[in-house]
Amino acid sequence: MAFCKIPRSIYSGPFPKERLQYQEYLREHQGEIRQGKILTKVQKQISLLNQQIKLIHRSATLDPEDKRIKIDDLLERRNRIFSDTISRFSG
């Protein structure tokens, strides 16, 4: 499924015809735009979790057991996000 980029230059014109074309385009591609926004949010969440995992790996103050527990928790959250996203878009 390909996501389209909104041509913002169409809307920036002062002409009513272009504005109507832009609004029609938004209506026609509303689902794709919404999915793109959702996927962008998911991507940010996953990125944040990956950053937290890296910080825990680098930590000199945590012992290996504590690191493993914290990393496992973050991986479980990350996998749950992936699973929820896949089930949301697969059917």
N, C-alpha and C. Protein backbone atom coordinates (compact mmCIF):
# COMPACT_ATOMS: atom_id res chain seq x y z
N MET A 1 0.85 -1.16 0.00
CA MET A 1 0.00 0.00 0.00
C MET A 1 0.90 1.23 0.00
N ALA A 2 0.78 2.03 -0.99
CA ALA A 2 1.60 3.23 -1.11
C ALA A 2 0.85 4.42 -0.52
N PHE A 3 1.59 5.24 0.18
CA PHE A 3 1.01 6.43 0.77
C PHE A 3 1.40 7.62 -0.08
N CYS A 4 0.47 8.50 -0.29
CA CYS A 4 0.72 9.64 -1.16
C CYS A 4 1.06 10.86 -0.32
N LYS A 5 1.83 11.71 -0.91
CA LYS A 5 2.20 12.95 -0.26
C LYS A 5 1.24 14.03 -0.73
N ILE A 6 0.77 14.83 0.20
CA ILE A 6 -0.20 15.86 -0.13
C ILE A 6 0.51 17.00 -0.86
N PRO A 7 0.04 17.33 -2.05
CA PRO A 7 0.67 18.44 -2.77
C PRO A 7 0.22 19.77 -2.19
N ARG A 8 0.96 20.28 -1.24
CA ARG A 8 0.58 21.51 -0.55
C ARG A 8 0.58 22.72 -1.48
N SER A 9 1.33 22.66 -2.57
CA SER A 9 1.39 23.80 -3.47
C SER A 9 0.05 24.07 -4.14
N ILE A 10 -0.78 23.06 -4.26
CA ILE A 10 -2.11 23.24 -4.85
C ILE A 10 -2.94 24.16 -3.97
N TYR A 11 -2.86 23.95 -2.67
CA TYR A 11 -3.67 24.73 -1.75
C TYR A 11 -3.16 26.16 -1.57
N SER A 12 -1.89 26.35 -1.74
CA SER A 12 -1.31 27.66 -1.46
C SER A 12 -1.74 28.74 -2.45
N GLY A 13 -2.31 28.35 -3.59
CA GLY A 13 -2.78 29.33 -4.56
C GLY A 13 -4.04 30.03 -4.09
N PRO A 14 -4.25 31.26 -4.51
CA PRO A 14 -5.43 32.01 -4.06
C PRO A 14 -6.69 31.70 -4.86
N PHE A 15 -6.58 30.83 -5.82
CA PHE A 15 -7.69 30.58 -6.72
C PHE A 15 -8.65 29.54 -6.14
N PRO A 16 -9.94 29.81 -6.19
CA PRO A 16 -10.93 28.88 -5.64
C PRO A 16 -10.91 27.52 -6.32
N LYS A 17 -10.63 27.48 -7.62
CA LYS A 17 -10.62 26.21 -8.34
C LYS A 17 -9.55 25.27 -7.75
N GLU A 18 -8.36 25.80 -7.50
CA GLU A 18 -7.29 24.99 -6.94
C GLU A 18 -7.63 24.54 -5.51
N ARG A 19 -8.26 25.43 -4.78
CA ARG A 19 -8.66 25.08 -3.42
C ARG A 19 -9.67 23.94 -3.44
N LEU A 20 -10.62 23.99 -4.35
CA LEU A 20 -11.60 22.92 -4.48
C LEU A 20 -10.93 21.61 -4.89
N GLN A 21 -9.95 21.68 -5.80
CA GLN A 21 -9.21 20.48 -6.20
C GLN A 21 -8.47 19.90 -5.00
N TYR A 22 -7.88 20.76 -4.20
CA TYR A 22 -7.15 20.32 -3.02
C TYR A 22 -8.09 19.63 -2.03
N GLN A 23 -9.24 20.23 -1.79
CA GLN A 23 -10.20 19.65 -0.86
C GLN A 23 -10.73 18.32 -1.38
N GLU A 24 -10.95 18.23 -2.67
CA GLU A 24 -11.39 16.97 -3.27
C GLU A 24 -10.31 15.90 -3.13
N TYR A 25 -9.07 16.30 -3.36
CA TYR A 25 -7.94 15.38 -3.20
C TYR A 25 -7.88 14.84 -1.78
N LEU A 26 -8.06 15.72 -0.80
CA LEU A 26 -8.04 15.30 0.60
C LEU A 26 -9.16 14.32 0.89
N ARG A 27 -10.35 14.57 0.36
CA ARG A 27 -11.48 13.65 0.57
C ARG A 27 -11.19 12.28 -0.05
N GLU A 28 -10.64 12.28 -1.26
CA GLU A 28 -10.38 11.01 -1.96
C GLU A 28 -9.30 10.19 -1.27
N HIS A 29 -8.33 10.85 -0.66
CA HIS A 29 -7.19 10.15 -0.07
C HIS A 29 -7.20 10.20 1.45
N GLN A 30 -8.35 10.44 2.01
CA GLN A 30 -8.48 10.60 3.46
C GLN A 30 -7.97 9.37 4.22
N GLY A 31 -8.32 8.18 3.76
CA GLY A 31 -7.88 6.96 4.43
C GLY A 31 -6.37 6.78 4.41
N GLU A 32 -5.77 7.04 3.27
CA GLU A 32 -4.32 6.91 3.14
C GLU A 32 -3.60 7.93 4.01
N ILE A 33 -4.14 9.14 4.07
CA ILE A 33 -3.53 10.18 4.89
C ILE A 33 -3.61 9.80 6.37
N ARG A 34 -4.74 9.29 6.79
CA ARG A 34 -4.93 8.88 8.17
C ARG A 34 -3.98 7.74 8.53
N GLN A 35 -3.84 6.77 7.64
CA GLN A 35 -2.93 5.65 7.89
C GLN A 35 -1.50 6.13 7.98
N GLY A 36 -1.14 7.07 7.13
CA GLY A 36 0.22 7.61 7.19
C GLY A 36 0.50 8.29 8.51
N LYS A 37 -0.48 9.02 9.03
CA LYS A 37 -0.31 9.68 10.32
C LYS A 37 -0.16 8.66 11.44
N ILE A 38 -0.96 7.61 11.38
CA ILE A 38 -0.88 6.56 12.40
C ILE A 38 0.49 5.89 12.36
N LEU A 39 0.95 5.56 11.15
CA LEU A 39 2.24 4.89 11.02
C LEU A 39 3.39 5.79 11.45
N THR A 40 3.28 7.08 11.23
CA THR A 40 4.31 8.01 11.69
C THR A 40 4.36 8.02 13.21
N LYS A 41 3.20 7.99 13.85
CA LYS A 41 3.15 7.95 15.31
C LYS A 41 3.77 6.66 15.85
N VAL A 42 3.46 5.54 15.20
CA VAL A 42 4.02 4.25 15.60
C VAL A 42 5.54 4.27 15.43
N GLN A 43 6.00 4.83 14.34
CA GLN A 43 7.43 4.91 14.07
C GLN A 43 8.14 5.70 15.18
N LYS A 44 7.55 6.78 15.63
CA LYS A 44 8.14 7.58 16.70
C LYS A 44 8.19 6.80 18.01
N GLN A 45 7.11 6.05 18.30
CA GLN A 45 7.08 5.24 19.51
C GLN A 45 8.17 4.17 19.50
N ILE A 46 8.32 3.51 18.35
CA ILE A 46 9.33 2.46 18.22
C ILE A 46 10.73 3.06 18.34
N SER A 47 10.93 4.19 17.74
CA SER A 47 12.23 4.87 17.81
C SER A 47 12.58 5.22 19.26
N LEU A 48 11.61 5.71 20.00
CA LEU A 48 11.84 6.06 21.39
C LEU A 48 12.20 4.83 22.22
N LEU A 49 11.49 3.73 21.99
CA LEU A 49 11.81 2.49 22.70
C LEU A 49 13.21 2.00 22.34
N ASN A 50 13.59 2.08 21.07
CA ASN A 50 14.93 1.66 20.67
C ASN A 50 16.00 2.52 21.33
N GLN A 51 15.75 3.81 21.46
CA GLN A 51 16.70 4.70 22.13
C GLN A 51 16.85 4.32 23.60
N GLN A 52 15.74 4.01 24.25
CA GLN A 52 15.79 3.60 25.64
C GLN A 52 16.58 2.31 25.81
N ILE A 53 16.39 1.38 24.89
CA ILE A 53 17.13 0.11 24.94
C ILE A 53 18.63 0.36 24.81
N LYS A 54 19.00 1.24 23.89
CA LYS A 54 20.42 1.56 23.71
C LYS A 54 21.01 2.20 24.96
N LEU A 55 20.26 3.07 25.60
CA LEU A 55 20.74 3.70 26.83
C LEU A 55 20.97 2.68 27.93
N ILE A 56 20.08 1.72 28.04
CA ILE A 56 20.24 0.67 29.04
C ILE A 56 21.46 -0.18 28.73
N HIS A 57 21.68 -0.51 27.46
CA HIS A 57 22.86 -1.29 27.07
C HIS A 57 24.14 -0.57 27.48
N ARG A 58 24.17 0.75 27.31
CA ARG A 58 25.37 1.53 27.60
C ARG A 58 25.57 1.83 29.08
N SER A 59 24.55 1.59 29.87
CA SER A 59 24.61 1.96 31.28
C SER A 59 25.73 1.20 32.00
N ALA A 60 26.52 1.96 32.73
CA ALA A 60 27.59 1.35 33.51
C ALA A 60 27.15 1.08 34.94
N THR A 61 26.03 1.66 35.34
CA THR A 61 25.58 1.52 36.73
C THR A 61 24.68 0.31 36.95
N LEU A 62 24.07 -0.19 35.90
CA LEU A 62 23.18 -1.34 36.04
C LEU A 62 23.96 -2.64 35.88
N ASP A 63 23.60 -3.63 36.70
CA ASP A 63 24.22 -4.94 36.51
C ASP A 63 23.48 -5.68 35.39
N PRO A 64 24.08 -6.71 34.86
CA PRO A 64 23.50 -7.40 33.69
C PRO A 64 22.08 -7.91 33.90
N GLU A 65 21.78 -8.37 35.12
CA GLU A 65 20.42 -8.87 35.38
C GLU A 65 19.38 -7.76 35.27
N ASP A 66 19.69 -6.61 35.86
CA ASP A 66 18.77 -5.47 35.79
C ASP A 66 18.62 -4.99 34.35
N LYS A 67 19.72 -4.97 33.63
CA LYS A 67 19.66 -4.58 32.22
C LYS A 67 18.72 -5.51 31.46
N ARG A 68 18.89 -6.81 31.68
CA ARG A 68 18.09 -7.80 30.96
C ARG A 68 16.61 -7.63 31.27
N ILE A 69 16.28 -7.39 32.53
CA ILE A 69 14.88 -7.23 32.93
C ILE A 69 14.28 -5.99 32.25
N LYS A 70 15.00 -4.89 32.29
CA LYS A 70 14.49 -3.65 31.70
C LYS A 70 14.39 -3.76 30.17
N ILE A 71 15.39 -4.36 29.57
CA ILE A 71 15.37 -4.51 28.11
C ILE A 71 14.24 -5.45 27.68
N ASP A 72 14.05 -6.53 28.42
CA ASP A 72 12.96 -7.46 28.09
C ASP A 72 11.60 -6.76 28.16
N ASP A 73 11.43 -5.90 29.17
CA ASP A 73 10.18 -5.16 29.30
C ASP A 73 9.97 -4.24 28.09
N LEU A 74 11.02 -3.54 27.69
CA LEU A 74 10.92 -2.63 26.54
C LEU A 74 10.69 -3.40 25.24
N LEU A 75 11.34 -4.54 25.09
CA LEU A 75 11.13 -5.35 23.89
C LEU A 75 9.71 -5.88 23.82
N GLU A 76 9.17 -6.24 24.98
CA GLU A 76 7.78 -6.71 25.01
C GLU A 76 6.83 -5.59 24.59
N ARG A 77 7.07 -4.38 25.09
CA ARG A 77 6.24 -3.24 24.69
C ARG A 77 6.38 -2.97 23.19
N ARG A 78 7.61 -3.03 22.68
CA ARG A 78 7.84 -2.79 21.25
C ARG A 78 7.13 -3.84 20.40
N ASN A 79 7.24 -5.09 20.79
CA ASN A 79 6.59 -6.15 20.04
C ASN A 79 5.07 -6.03 20.08
N ARG A 80 4.53 -5.56 21.21
CA ARG A 80 3.09 -5.36 21.33
C ARG A 80 2.64 -4.25 20.37
N ILE A 81 3.42 -3.20 20.26
CA ILE A 81 3.09 -2.11 19.34
C ILE A 81 3.10 -2.62 17.90
N PHE A 82 4.14 -3.39 17.56
CA PHE A 82 4.21 -3.97 16.20
C PHE A 82 2.99 -4.85 15.93
N SER A 83 2.69 -5.71 16.88
CA SER A 83 1.57 -6.63 16.71
C SER A 83 0.24 -5.89 16.56
N ASP A 84 0.02 -4.90 17.40
CA ASP A 84 -1.23 -4.12 17.30
C ASP A 84 -1.33 -3.40 15.97
N THR A 85 -0.21 -2.86 15.51
CA THR A 85 -0.21 -2.13 14.24
C THR A 85 -0.49 -3.07 13.08
N ILE A 86 0.14 -4.21 13.09
CA ILE A 86 -0.07 -5.19 12.01
C ILE A 86 -1.51 -5.65 11.99
N SER A 87 -2.07 -5.96 13.15
CA SER A 87 -3.46 -6.43 13.18
C SER A 87 -4.42 -5.31 12.77
N ARG A 88 -4.07 -4.09 13.06
CA ARG A 88 -4.93 -2.95 12.70
C ARG A 88 -4.99 -2.76 11.18
N PHE A 89 -3.87 -2.97 10.50
CA PHE A 89 -3.82 -2.72 9.07
C PHE A 89 -4.04 -3.96 8.21
N SER A 90 -4.04 -5.14 8.81
CA SER A 90 -4.21 -6.35 8.01
C SER A 90 -5.66 -6.77 7.86
N GLY A 91 -6.52 -6.15 8.57
CA GLY A 91 -7.87 -6.60 8.35
C GLY A 91 -8.83 -5.91 9.19
